[in-house]
């Protein structure tokens, strides 16, 4: 049976939208881009070049939403704008896929999740690791008790993040630095895989002469008594990342380098992934859930925990003391 055709609008035409989401839209084969909005028209023209055809262009995303009818909207804009743009799309009855982090403020995450649930709309945060088979299987192992009770988590990510530059170095647009941006992947994957609830956070950040954090260290006490540490290093030479989970019955380590999973070991033995777990993308899942009427859709509640932990980390660093995660 052929796929149901879908139409989407795009808010933001930067490199992430062009190089990640547009190819995934094309790979689906039955999703059309009805319009693109970006305040910089040249960015939108580059996106059209990547898509291989002209797309109606809007300089103002609000005008676009008023004038077009689409099934869904994909958002890839500065973090500050995620809440107001996602809310406008949900208010208009459109499903939403938004780049990470979902929002800067926890109360905004809570409102968006409630709004999506109340209107039976799909709200997806584009965390790629959740669609990598290694991470999906790691979550299964934790849920079925292969590690026993989680006692500790150690995670880090390094990147030449300063080389990314642009609006990410502007605190008003980004809401934070490396920890808010790439670090959000680390926080999200840790919370999604383990299911842990952060309670108490202590953090320290170094801006390395910039207006936002570049390097950071965060210690977390979770609701079950487990402890975790997270480190983000934004002035490194390249990407490297690990997530190590220790439990009463075993330990699990995932290693990524240059954005690819390189190894996964359970009790120091390589893990053979089940063939039933296939690689996917947030976009592919998003389109599938729209077509099948939300069957199998997993509400993004973990994104609220991400926002709460992140807010607590920045508050702890600012106040130079451990702080409770606000409910």
C-alpha atoms as a PDB file:
ATOM      1  CA  UNK A   1       0.000   0.000   0.000  1.00  0.00           C
ATOM      2  CA  UNK A   2       1.446   3.414  -0.916  1.00  0.00           C
ATOM      3  CA  UNK A   3       2.249   5.834   1.881  1.00  0.00           C
ATOM      4  CA  UNK A   4      -0.260   8.517   2.720  1.00  0.00           C
ATOM      5  CA  UNK A   5       1.053  11.780   1.337  1.00  0.00           C
ATOM      6  CA  UNK A   6       1.886  14.479   3.882  1.00  0.00           C
ATOM      7  CA  UNK A   7       2.658  18.157   3.585  1.00  0.00           C
ATOM      8  CA  UNK A   8       4.996  20.027   5.902  1.00  0.00           C
ATOM      9  CA  UNK A   9       6.220  23.554   6.461  1.00  0.00           C
ATOM     10  CA  UNK A  10       9.707  24.430   7.643  1.00  0.00           C
ATOM     11  CA  UNK A  11      10.612  27.135  10.149  1.00  0.00           C
ATOM     12  CA  UNK A  12      14.327  27.817   9.877  1.00  0.00           C
ATOM     13  CA  UNK A  13      16.518  27.159   6.851  1.00  0.00           C
ATOM     14  CA  UNK A  14      19.964  26.891   8.421  1.00  0.00           C
ATOM     15  CA  UNK A  15      22.514  24.152   7.995  1.00  0.00           C
ATOM     16  CA  UNK A  16      20.738  21.686  10.279  1.00  0.00           C
ATOM     17  CA  UNK A  17      17.449  21.948   8.404  1.00  0.00           C
ATOM     18  CA  UNK A  18      19.193  21.784   5.035  1.00  0.00           C
ATOM     19  CA  UNK A  19      21.617  18.979   5.760  1.00  0.00           C
ATOM     20  CA  UNK A  20      19.649  16.795   8.186  1.00  0.00           C
ATOM     21  CA  UNK A  21      15.908  17.275   7.824  1.00  0.00           C
ATOM     22  CA  UNK A  22      15.587  18.000   4.104  1.00  0.00           C
ATOM     23  CA  UNK A  23      17.367  14.741   3.113  1.00  0.00           C
ATOM     24  CA  UNK A  24      15.163  12.794   5.542  1.00  0.00           C
ATOM     25  CA  UNK A  25      12.059  14.362   4.019  1.00  0.00           C
ATOM     26  CA  UNK A  26      13.292  13.347   0.577  1.00  0.00           C
ATOM     27  CA  UNK A  27      14.042   9.814   1.794  1.00  0.00           C
ATOM     28  CA  UNK A  28      10.421   9.366   2.865  1.00  0.00           C
ATOM     29  CA  UNK A  29       9.260   9.812  -0.715  1.00  0.00           C
ATOM     30  CA  UNK A  30       5.743  10.947   0.139  1.00  0.00           C
ATOM     31  CA  UNK A  31       6.259  14.191   2.065  1.00  0.00           C
ATOM     32  CA  UNK A  32       6.108  17.529   0.270  1.00  0.00           C
ATOM     33  CA  UNK A  33       7.496  20.814   1.560  1.00  0.00           C
ATOM     34  CA  UNK A  34       4.720  23.372   1.204  1.00  0.00           C
ATOM     35  CA  UNK A  35       6.667  26.403   2.424  1.00  0.00           C
ATOM     36  CA  UNK A  36       9.778  27.552   4.247  1.00  0.00           C
ATOM     37  CA  UNK A  37      10.183  30.531   6.576  1.00  0.00           C
ATOM     38  CA  UNK A  38      13.459  32.176   7.509  1.00  0.00           C
ATOM     39  CA  UNK A  39      14.321  35.839   8.088  1.00  0.00           C
ATOM     40  CA  UNK A  40      17.326  35.434   5.761  1.00  0.00           C
ATOM     41  CA  UNK A  41      16.128  34.690   2.238  1.00  0.00           C
ATOM     42  CA  UNK A  42      19.551  33.500   1.061  1.00  0.00           C
ATOM     43  CA  UNK A  43      19.353  30.684   3.615  1.00  0.00           C
ATOM     44  CA  UNK A  44      16.011  29.617   2.205  1.00  0.00           C
ATOM     45  CA  UNK A  45      17.449  29.672  -1.333  1.00  0.00           C
ATOM     46  CA  UNK A  46      20.249  27.364  -0.210  1.00  0.00           C
ATOM     47  CA  UNK A  47      17.621  25.044   1.224  1.00  0.00           C
ATOM     48  CA  UNK A  48      15.754  25.025  -2.072  1.00  0.00           C
ATOM     49  CA  UNK A  49      18.978  24.144  -3.846  1.00  0.00           C
ATOM     50  CA  UNK A  50      19.378  21.206  -1.484  1.00  0.00           C
ATOM     51  CA  UNK A  51      15.768  20.143  -2.007  1.00  0.00           C
ATOM     52  CA  UNK A  52      16.180  20.433  -5.767  1.00  0.00           C
ATOM     53  CA  UNK A  53      13.109  22.587  -6.416  1.00  0.00           C
ATOM     54  CA  UNK A  54      11.547  25.945  -5.603  1.00  0.00           C
ATOM     55  CA  UNK A  55       9.555  26.237  -2.398  1.00  0.00           C
ATOM     56  CA  UNK A  56       7.243  29.118  -1.441  1.00  0.00           C
ATOM     57  CA  UNK A  57       9.288  31.416   0.798  1.00  0.00           C
ATOM     58  CA  UNK A  58       8.217  33.539   3.760  1.00  0.00           C
ATOM     59  CA  UNK A  59      10.338  35.976   5.689  1.00  0.00           C
ATOM     60  CA  UNK A  60       7.955  35.733   8.639  1.00  0.00           C
ATOM     61  CA  UNK A  61       6.939  32.373  10.066  1.00  0.00           C
ATOM     62  CA  UNK A  62       3.716  33.718  11.584  1.00  0.00           C
ATOM     63  CA  UNK A  63       2.541  34.865   8.161  1.00  0.00           C
ATOM     64  CA  UNK A  64       3.381  31.461   6.732  1.00  0.00           C
ATOM     65  CA  UNK A  65       1.338  29.629   9.362  1.00  0.00           C
ATOM     66  CA  UNK A  66      -1.662  31.885   8.671  1.00  0.00           C
ATOM     67  CA  UNK A  67      -1.563  31.389   4.917  1.00  0.00           C
ATOM     68  CA  UNK A  68      -0.850  27.699   4.412  1.00  0.00           C
ATOM     69  CA  UNK A  69      -2.480  24.404   5.343  1.00  0.00           C
ATOM     70  CA  UNK A  70      -0.102  21.578   6.238  1.00  0.00           C
ATOM     71  CA  UNK A  71      -0.108  18.413   8.305  1.00  0.00           C
ATOM     72  CA  UNK A  72       2.992  19.285  10.278  1.00  0.00           C
ATOM     73  CA  UNK A  73       5.768  21.764  10.889  1.00  0.00           C
ATOM     74  CA  UNK A  74       9.487  21.132  11.339  1.00  0.00           C
ATOM     75  CA  UNK A  75      11.340  23.710  13.454  1.00  0.00           C
ATOM     76  CA  UNK A  76      15.102  24.299  13.462  1.00  0.00           C
ATOM     77  CA  UNK A  77      15.734  27.732  14.932  1.00  0.00           C
ATOM     78  CA  UNK A  78      17.607  29.273  17.884  1.00  0.00           C
ATOM     79  CA  UNK A  79      16.587  27.671  21.177  1.00  0.00           C
ATOM     80  CA  UNK A  80      14.896  30.842  22.411  1.00  0.00           C
ATOM     81  CA  UNK A  81      12.297  30.624  19.639  1.00  0.00           C
ATOM     82  CA  UNK A  82      11.278  26.978  20.080  1.00  0.00           C
ATOM     83  CA  UNK A  83       8.524  27.592  22.601  1.00  0.00           C
ATOM     84  CA  UNK A  84       6.597  30.340  20.831  1.00  0.00           C
ATOM     85  CA  UNK A  85       6.932  28.658  17.432  1.00  0.00           C
ATOM     86  CA  UNK A  86       5.952  25.193  18.683  1.00  0.00           C
ATOM     87  CA  UNK A  87       3.009  26.595  20.624  1.00  0.00           C
ATOM     88  CA  UNK A  88       1.727  28.494  17.585  1.00  0.00           C
ATOM     89  CA  UNK A  89       1.910  25.342  15.477  1.00  0.00           C
ATOM     90  CA  UNK A  90       0.141  23.200  18.062  1.00  0.00           C
ATOM     91  CA  UNK A  91      -2.505  25.882  18.599  1.00  0.00           C
ATOM     92  CA  UNK A  92      -3.096  25.722  14.842  1.00  0.00           C
ATOM     93  CA  UNK A  93      -3.628  21.955  14.913  1.00  0.00           C
ATOM     94  CA  UNK A  94      -0.305  20.989  13.354  1.00  0.00           C
ATOM     95  CA  UNK A  95       2.001  18.209  14.491  1.00  0.00           C
ATOM     96  CA  UNK A  96       5.464  19.460  15.438  1.00  0.00           C
ATOM     97  CA  UNK A  97       9.010  18.162  15.142  1.00  0.00           C
ATOM     98  CA  UNK A  98      11.392  20.569  16.854  1.00  0.00           C
ATOM     99  CA  UNK A  99      15.153  20.546  17.152  1.00  0.00           C
ATOM    100  CA  UNK A 100      16.754  20.037  20.542  1.00  0.00           C
ATOM    101  CA  UNK A 101      16.427  21.209  23.179  1.00  0.00           C
ATOM    102  CA  UNK A 102      12.649  21.363  23.242  1.00  0.00           C
ATOM    103  CA  UNK A 103      12.744  24.684  25.115  1.00  0.00           C
ATOM    104  CA  UNK A 104      14.958  26.700  27.444  1.00  0.00           C
ATOM    105  CA  UNK A 105      12.509  26.964  30.363  1.00  0.00           C
ATOM    106  CA  UNK A 106      10.966  23.926  32.109  1.00  0.00           C
ATOM    107  CA  UNK A 107       7.536  25.533  32.479  1.00  0.00           C
ATOM    108  CA  UNK A 108       7.452  25.995  28.707  1.00  0.00           C
ATOM    109  CA  UNK A 109       8.202  22.293  28.212  1.00  0.00           C
ATOM    110  CA  UNK A 110       5.361  21.403  30.569  1.00  0.00           C
ATOM    111  CA  UNK A 111       2.929  23.622  28.679  1.00  0.00           C
ATOM    112  CA  UNK A 112       3.870  22.250  25.256  1.00  0.00           C
ATOM    113  CA  UNK A 113       3.609  18.634  26.377  1.00  0.00           C
ATOM    114  CA  UNK A 114       0.188  19.298  27.905  1.00  0.00           C
ATOM    115  CA  UNK A 115      -0.979  21.169  24.813  1.00  0.00           C
ATOM    116  CA  UNK A 116       0.089  18.383  22.470  1.00  0.00           C
ATOM    117  CA  UNK A 117      -1.542  15.725  24.647  1.00  0.00           C
ATOM    118  CA  UNK A 118      -4.760  17.698  24.994  1.00  0.00           C
ATOM    119  CA  UNK A 119      -5.121  18.077  21.237  1.00  0.00           C
ATOM    120  CA  UNK A 120      -3.830  14.577  20.351  1.00  0.00           C
ATOM    121  CA  UNK A 121      -1.004  16.086  18.364  1.00  0.00           C
ATOM    122  CA  UNK A 122       2.489  14.701  17.959  1.00  0.00           C
ATOM    123  CA  UNK A 123       5.354  16.665  19.462  1.00  0.00           C
ATOM    124  CA  UNK A 124       8.788  15.181  18.756  1.00  0.00           C
ATOM    125  CA  UNK A 125      12.200  16.481  19.817  1.00  0.00           C
ATOM    126  CA  UNK A 126      14.874  15.615  17.252  1.00  0.00           C
ATOM    127  CA  UNK A 127      17.302  13.689  19.455  1.00  0.00           C
ATOM    128  CA  UNK A 128      18.977  11.358  16.951  1.00  0.00           C
ATOM    129  CA  UNK A 129      20.451   8.988  19.532  1.00  0.00           C
ATOM    130  CA  UNK A 130      17.010   7.716  20.459  1.00  0.00           C
ATOM    131  CA  UNK A 131      16.770   6.247  16.959  1.00  0.00           C
ATOM    132  CA  UNK A 132      20.186   4.591  16.997  1.00  0.00           C
ATOM    133  CA  UNK A 133      19.792   0.827  17.623  1.00  0.00           C
ATOM    134  CA  UNK A 134      22.504   0.790  20.302  1.00  0.00           C
ATOM    135  CA  UNK A 135      20.704   3.369  22.422  1.00  0.00           C
ATOM    136  CA  UNK A 136      17.297   1.775  21.881  1.00  0.00           C
ATOM    137  CA  UNK A 137      18.658  -1.600  22.995  1.00  0.00           C
ATOM    138  CA  UNK A 138      20.467  -0.042  25.953  1.00  0.00           C
ATOM    139  CA  UNK A 139      17.125   1.295  27.119  1.00  0.00           C
ATOM    140  CA  UNK A 140      15.580  -2.155  26.727  1.00  0.00           C
ATOM    141  CA  UNK A 141      18.366  -3.703  28.808  1.00  0.00           C
ATOM    142  CA  UNK A 142      17.800  -1.203  31.604  1.00  0.00           C
ATOM    143  CA  UNK A 143      14.018  -1.618  31.517  1.00  0.00           C
ATOM    144  CA  UNK A 144      14.177  -5.399  31.727  1.00  0.00           C
ATOM    145  CA  UNK A 145      16.594  -5.259  34.660  1.00  0.00           C
ATOM    146  CA  UNK A 146      19.780  -6.500  33.001  1.00  0.00           C
ATOM    147  CA  UNK A 147      21.791  -3.991  35.060  1.00  0.00           C
ATOM    148  CA  UNK A 148      19.748  -4.343  38.224  1.00  0.00           C
ATOM    149  CA  UNK A 149      19.105  -1.149  40.163  1.00  0.00           C
ATOM    150  CA  UNK A 150      20.940   1.804  38.612  1.00  0.00           C
ATOM    151  CA  UNK A 151      23.578   3.046  41.047  1.00  0.00           C
ATOM    152  CA  UNK A 152      25.646   5.450  38.941  1.00  0.00           C
ATOM    153  CA  UNK A 153      25.986   7.166  35.571  1.00  0.00           C
ATOM    154  CA  UNK A 154      29.077   8.757  34.029  1.00  0.00           C
ATOM    155  CA  UNK A 155      28.797  10.642  30.729  1.00  0.00           C
ATOM    156  CA  UNK A 156      30.815  13.093  28.700  1.00  0.00           C
ATOM    157  CA  UNK A 157      30.813  14.710  25.279  1.00  0.00           C
ATOM    158  CA  UNK A 158      33.602  16.639  23.576  1.00  0.00           C
ATOM    159  CA  UNK A 159      33.458  18.727  20.423  1.00  0.00           C
ATOM    160  CA  UNK A 160      35.091  21.607  18.599  1.00  0.00           C
ATOM    161  CA  UNK A 161      31.911  23.426  19.508  1.00  0.00           C
ATOM    162  CA  UNK A 162      33.464  26.881  19.263  1.00  0.00           C
ATOM    163  CA  UNK A 163      33.944  26.222  15.568  1.00  0.00           C
ATOM    164  CA  UNK A 164      30.168  26.034  15.162  1.00  0.00           C
ATOM    165  CA  UNK A 165      29.827  29.677  16.260  1.00  0.00           C
ATOM    166  CA  UNK A 166      26.875  31.744  15.068  1.00  0.00           C
ATOM    167  CA  UNK A 167      23.835  32.325  17.252  1.00  0.00           C
ATOM    168  CA  UNK A 168      24.887  29.516  19.617  1.00  0.00           C
ATOM    169  CA  UNK A 169      27.407  31.911  21.183  1.00  0.00           C
ATOM    170  CA  UNK A 170      24.676  34.493  21.873  1.00  0.00           C
ATOM    171  CA  UNK A 171      23.089  33.826  25.293  1.00  0.00           C
ATOM    172  CA  UNK A 172      19.907  35.681  24.354  1.00  0.00           C
ATOM    173  CA  UNK A 173      19.307  33.385  21.385  1.00  0.00           C
ATOM    174  CA  UNK A 174      20.736  30.138  22.706  1.00  0.00           C
ATOM    175  CA  UNK A 175      19.758  30.297  26.372  1.00  0.00           C
ATOM    176  CA  UNK A 176      23.111  28.769  27.297  1.00  0.00           C
ATOM    177  CA  UNK A 177      26.224  27.354  25.699  1.00  0.00           C
ATOM    178  CA  UNK A 178      27.702  23.922  25.021  1.00  0.00           C
ATOM    179  CA  UNK A 179      25.743  22.308  27.869  1.00  0.00           C
ATOM    180  CA  UNK A 180      22.441  23.690  26.558  1.00  0.00           C
ATOM    181  CA  UNK A 181      23.273  22.743  22.960  1.00  0.00           C
ATOM    182  CA  UNK A 182      25.314  19.606  22.279  1.00  0.00           C
ATOM    183  CA  UNK A 183      25.185  18.752  25.974  1.00  0.00           C
ATOM    184  CA  UNK A 184      21.433  18.409  25.622  1.00  0.00           C
ATOM    185  CA  UNK A 185      22.003  15.235  23.583  1.00  0.00           C
ATOM    186  CA  UNK A 186      24.000  13.805  26.474  1.00  0.00           C
ATOM    187  CA  UNK A 187      21.408  14.729  29.095  1.00  0.00           C
ATOM    188  CA  UNK A 188      18.525  13.445  26.982  1.00  0.00           C
ATOM    189  CA  UNK A 189      20.114  10.101  26.132  1.00  0.00           C
ATOM    190  CA  UNK A 190      21.109   9.542  29.766  1.00  0.00           C
ATOM    191  CA  UNK A 191      17.605  10.260  31.076  1.00  0.00           C
ATOM    192  CA  UNK A 192      15.846   8.418  28.239  1.00  0.00           C
ATOM    193  CA  UNK A 193      17.949   5.273  28.556  1.00  0.00           C
ATOM    194  CA  UNK A 194      17.959   5.091  32.359  1.00  0.00           C
ATOM    195  CA  UNK A 195      14.552   6.559  33.206  1.00  0.00           C
ATOM    196  CA  UNK A 196      16.161   8.288  36.195  1.00  0.00           C
ATOM    197  CA  UNK A 197      14.598  11.353  37.808  1.00  0.00           C
ATOM    198  CA  UNK A 198      17.111  14.115  38.733  1.00  0.00           C
ATOM    199  CA  UNK A 199      16.653  15.620  42.205  1.00  0.00           C
ATOM    200  CA  UNK A 200      19.771  17.541  43.229  1.00  0.00           C
ATOM    201  CA  UNK A 201      22.291  19.208  40.906  1.00  0.00           C
ATOM    202  CA  UNK A 202      25.701  20.817  41.393  1.00  0.00           C
ATOM    203  CA  UNK A 203      27.406  22.427  38.392  1.00  0.00           C
ATOM    204  CA  UNK A 204      30.384  24.508  37.385  1.00  0.00           C
ATOM    205  CA  UNK A 205      30.955  26.107  33.980  1.00  0.00           C
ATOM    206  CA  UNK A 206      33.865  27.803  32.215  1.00  0.00           C
ATOM    207  CA  UNK A 207      33.097  30.280  29.435  1.00  0.00           C
ATOM    208  CA  UNK A 208      36.646  30.399  28.047  1.00  0.00           C
ATOM    209  CA  UNK A 209      36.229  34.092  27.326  1.00  0.00           C
ATOM    210  CA  UNK A 210      32.864  33.710  25.581  1.00  0.00           C
ATOM    211  CA  UNK A 211      29.437  34.947  26.621  1.00  0.00           C
ATOM    212  CA  UNK A 212      28.186  31.373  27.167  1.00  0.00           C
ATOM    213  CA  UNK A 213      29.551  28.216  28.745  1.00  0.00           C
ATOM    214  CA  UNK A 214      32.085  26.260  26.711  1.00  0.00           C
ATOM    215  CA  UNK A 215      33.160  23.620  29.253  1.00  0.00           C
ATOM    216  CA  UNK A 216      31.192  22.268  32.159  1.00  0.00           C
ATOM    217  CA  UNK A 217      30.930  19.655  34.876  1.00  0.00           C
ATOM    218  CA  UNK A 218      27.636  18.596  36.447  1.00  0.00           C
ATOM    219  CA  UNK A 219      26.941  16.228  39.325  1.00  0.00           C
ATOM    220  CA  UNK A 220      23.422  14.852  39.775  1.00  0.00           C
ATOM    221  CA  UNK A 221      21.694  12.942  42.572  1.00  0.00           C
ATOM    222  CA  UNK A 222      18.706  11.020  41.276  1.00  0.00           C
ATOM    223  CA  UNK A 223      15.463  10.068  42.960  1.00  0.00           C
ATOM    224  CA  UNK A 224      16.535   6.463  43.588  1.00  0.00           C
ATOM    225  CA  UNK A 225      19.764   7.600  45.265  1.00  0.00           C
ATOM    226  CA  UNK A 226      21.995   7.014  42.234  1.00  0.00           C
ATOM    227  CA  UNK A 227      24.700   9.543  41.417  1.00  0.00           C
ATOM    228  CA  UNK A 228      25.713  10.832  38.006  1.00  0.00           C
ATOM    229  CA  UNK A 229      28.385  13.042  36.497  1.00  0.00           C
ATOM    230  CA  UNK A 230      28.250  14.786  33.133  1.00  0.00           C
ATOM    231  CA  UNK A 231      31.069  16.700  31.451  1.00  0.00           C
ATOM    232  CA  UNK A 232      30.834  18.868  28.341  1.00  0.00           C
ATOM    233  CA  UNK A 233      34.027  20.080  26.643  1.00  0.00           C
ATOM    234  CA  UNK A 234      33.441  22.519  23.809  1.00  0.00           C
ATOM    235  CA  UNK A 235      37.001  23.526  22.974  1.00  0.00           C
ATOM    236  CA  UNK A 236      38.217  20.020  22.107  1.00  0.00           C
ATOM    237  CA  UNK A 237      39.590  18.964  18.735  1.00  0.00           C
ATOM    238  CA  UNK A 238      36.668  16.696  17.776  1.00  0.00           C
ATOM    239  CA  UNK A 239      33.589  14.834  18.898  1.00  0.00           C
ATOM    240  CA  UNK A 240      33.896  11.975  21.380  1.00  0.00           C
ATOM    241  CA  UNK A 241      31.156  10.748  23.706  1.00  0.00           C
ATOM    242  CA  UNK A 242      30.519   8.049  26.286  1.00  0.00           C
ATOM    243  CA  UNK A 243      27.603   6.974  28.435  1.00  0.00           C
ATOM    244  CA  UNK A 244      28.456   4.511  31.200  1.00  0.00           C
ATOM    245  CA  UNK A 245      25.694   3.066  33.386  1.00  0.00           C
ATOM    246  CA  UNK A 246      26.460   1.027  36.513  1.00  0.00           C
ATOM    247  CA  UNK A 247      23.888  -1.077  38.310  1.00  0.00           C
ATOM    248  CA  UNK A 248      23.642  -3.630  41.087  1.00  0.00           C
ATOM    249  CA  UNK A 249      23.824  -6.453  38.527  1.00  0.00           C
ATOM    250  CA  UNK A 250      26.039  -5.122  35.743  1.00  0.00           C
ATOM    251  CA  UNK A 251      27.479  -2.224  33.768  1.00  0.00           C
ATOM    252  CA  UNK A 252      26.925  -0.901  30.252  1.00  0.00           C
ATOM    253  CA  UNK A 253      29.080   1.493  28.203  1.00  0.00           C
ATOM    254  CA  UNK A 254      28.277   3.159  24.883  1.00  0.00           C
ATOM    255  CA  UNK A 255      31.015   4.977  22.965  1.00  0.00           C
ATOM    256  CA  UNK A 256      30.537   7.373  20.050  1.00  0.00           C
ATOM    257  CA  UNK A 257      33.287   9.050  18.060  1.00  0.00           C
ATOM    258  CA  UNK A 258      32.806  11.525  15.230  1.00  0.00           C
ATOM    259  CA  UNK A 259      29.040  11.140  15.650  1.00  0.00           C
ATOM    260  CA  UNK A 260      28.985   7.362  15.107  1.00  0.00           C
ATOM    261  CA  UNK A 261      28.533   4.579  17.667  1.00  0.00           C
ATOM    262  CA  UNK A 262      31.863   2.760  17.848  1.00  0.00           C
ATOM    263  CA  UNK A 263      31.196   0.224  20.579  1.00  0.00           C
ATOM    264  CA  UNK A 264      28.742  -0.992  23.182  1.00  0.00           C
ATOM    265  CA  UNK A 265      29.821  -3.353  25.952  1.00  0.00           C
ATOM    266  CA  UNK A 266      27.820  -5.087  28.659  1.00  0.00           C
ATOM    267  CA  UNK A 267      29.985  -6.257  31.551  1.00  0.00           C
ATOM    268  CA  UNK A 268      33.016  -5.639  29.299  1.00  0.00           C
ATOM    269  CA  UNK A 269      31.658  -7.926  26.569  1.00  0.00           C
ATOM    270  CA  UNK A 270      30.602  -6.619  23.126  1.00  0.00           C
ATOM    271  CA  UNK A 271      26.834  -6.510  22.686  1.00  0.00           C
ATOM    272  CA  UNK A 272      25.173  -8.132  19.670  1.00  0.00           C
ATOM    273  CA  UNK A 273      22.209  -6.015  18.672  1.00  0.00           C
ATOM    274  CA  UNK A 274      18.924  -7.799  17.914  1.00  0.00           C
ATOM    275  CA  UNK A 275      18.180  -7.665  14.197  1.00  0.00           C
ATOM    276  CA  UNK A 276      14.645  -6.525  14.991  1.00  0.00           C
ATOM    277  CA  UNK A 277      15.964  -3.103  16.058  1.00  0.00           C
ATOM    278  CA  UNK A 278      16.449  -1.053  12.909  1.00  0.00           C
ATOM    279  CA  UNK A 279      18.136   2.330  12.621  1.00  0.00           C
ATOM    280  CA  UNK A 280      15.761   5.205  12.104  1.00  0.00           C
ATOM    281  CA  UNK A 281      15.495   8.972  12.476  1.00  0.00           C
ATOM    282  CA  UNK A 282      13.198  11.277  14.439  1.00  0.00           C
ATOM    283  CA  UNK A 283      11.759  12.471  11.125  1.00  0.00           C
ATOM    284  CA  UNK A 284      10.878   8.955   9.954  1.00  0.00           C
ATOM    285  CA  UNK A 285       9.171   8.175  13.261  1.00  0.00           C
ATOM    286  CA  UNK A 286       7.357  11.518  13.154  1.00  0.00           C
ATOM    287  CA  UNK A 287       5.907  10.828   9.698  1.00  0.00           C
ATOM    288  CA  UNK A 288       4.989   7.245  10.650  1.00  0.00           C
ATOM    289  CA  UNK A 289       3.112   8.359  13.760  1.00  0.00           C
ATOM    290  CA  UNK A 290       1.171  10.980  11.808  1.00  0.00           C
ATOM    291  CA  UNK A 291       0.137   8.398   9.226  1.00  0.00           C
ATOM    292  CA  UNK A 292      -0.942   5.746  11.701  1.00  0.00           C
ATOM    293  CA  UNK A 293      -2.912   8.077  13.964  1.00  0.00           C
ATOM    294  CA  UNK A 294      -0.351   8.225  16.824  1.00  0.00           C
ATOM    295  CA  UNK A 295      -0.154   4.437  17.204  1.00  0.00           C
ATOM    296  CA  UNK A 296       3.054   3.658  19.086  1.00  0.00           C
ATOM    297  CA  UNK A 297       3.770   7.343  19.703  1.00  0.00           C
ATOM    298  CA  UNK A 298       5.782   7.952  22.846  1.00  0.00           C
ATOM    299  CA  UNK A 299       5.059  11.352  24.440  1.00  0.00           C
ATOM    300  CA  UNK A 300       8.293  13.260  24.969  1.00  0.00           C
ATOM    301  CA  UNK A 301       8.009  13.511  28.748  1.00  0.00           C
ATOM    302  CA  UNK A 302      11.757  13.015  29.134  1.00  0.00           C
ATOM    303  CA  UNK A 303      12.201  16.440  27.489  1.00  0.00           C
ATOM    304  CA  UNK A 304      10.693  18.018  30.605  1.00  0.00           C
ATOM    305  CA  UNK A 305      13.280  16.236  32.762  1.00  0.00           C
ATOM    306  CA  UNK A 306      15.984  17.496  30.375  1.00  0.00           C
ATOM    307  CA  UNK A 307      14.746  21.062  30.782  1.00  0.00           C
ATOM    308  CA  UNK A 308      14.528  20.761  34.562  1.00  0.00           C
ATOM    309  CA  UNK A 309      18.027  19.321  34.942  1.00  0.00           C
ATOM    310  CA  UNK A 310      19.479  21.896  32.554  1.00  0.00           C
ATOM    311  CA  UNK A 311      17.821  24.805  34.345  1.00  0.00           C
ATOM    312  CA  UNK A 312      19.060  23.480  37.680  1.00  0.00           C
ATOM    313  CA  UNK A 313      22.612  23.161  36.373  1.00  0.00           C
ATOM    314  CA  UNK A 314      22.770  26.773  35.242  1.00  0.00           C
ATOM    315  CA  UNK A 315      21.136  27.929  38.473  1.00  0.00           C
ATOM    316  CA  UNK A 316      23.637  25.945  40.534  1.00  0.00           C
ATOM    317  CA  UNK A 317      26.584  27.426  38.656  1.00  0.00           C
ATOM    318  CA  UNK A 318      25.207  30.953  39.045  1.00  0.00           C
ATOM    319  CA  UNK A 319      24.586  30.528  42.783  1.00  0.00           C
ATOM    320  CA  UNK A 320      27.746  28.452  43.381  1.00  0.00           C
ATOM    321  CA  UNK A 321      25.909  25.803  45.381  1.00  0.00           C
ATOM    322  CA  UNK A 322      23.948  22.576  44.902  1.00  0.00           C
ATOM    323  CA  UNK A 323      20.289  23.184  44.074  1.00  0.00           C
ATOM    324  CA  UNK A 324      17.125  21.132  44.036  1.00  0.00           C
ATOM    325  CA  UNK A 325      15.517  20.402  40.694  1.00  0.00           C
ATOM    326  CA  UNK A 326      12.293  22.378  40.599  1.00  0.00           C
ATOM    327  CA  UNK A 327       9.126  20.309  40.101  1.00  0.00           C
END
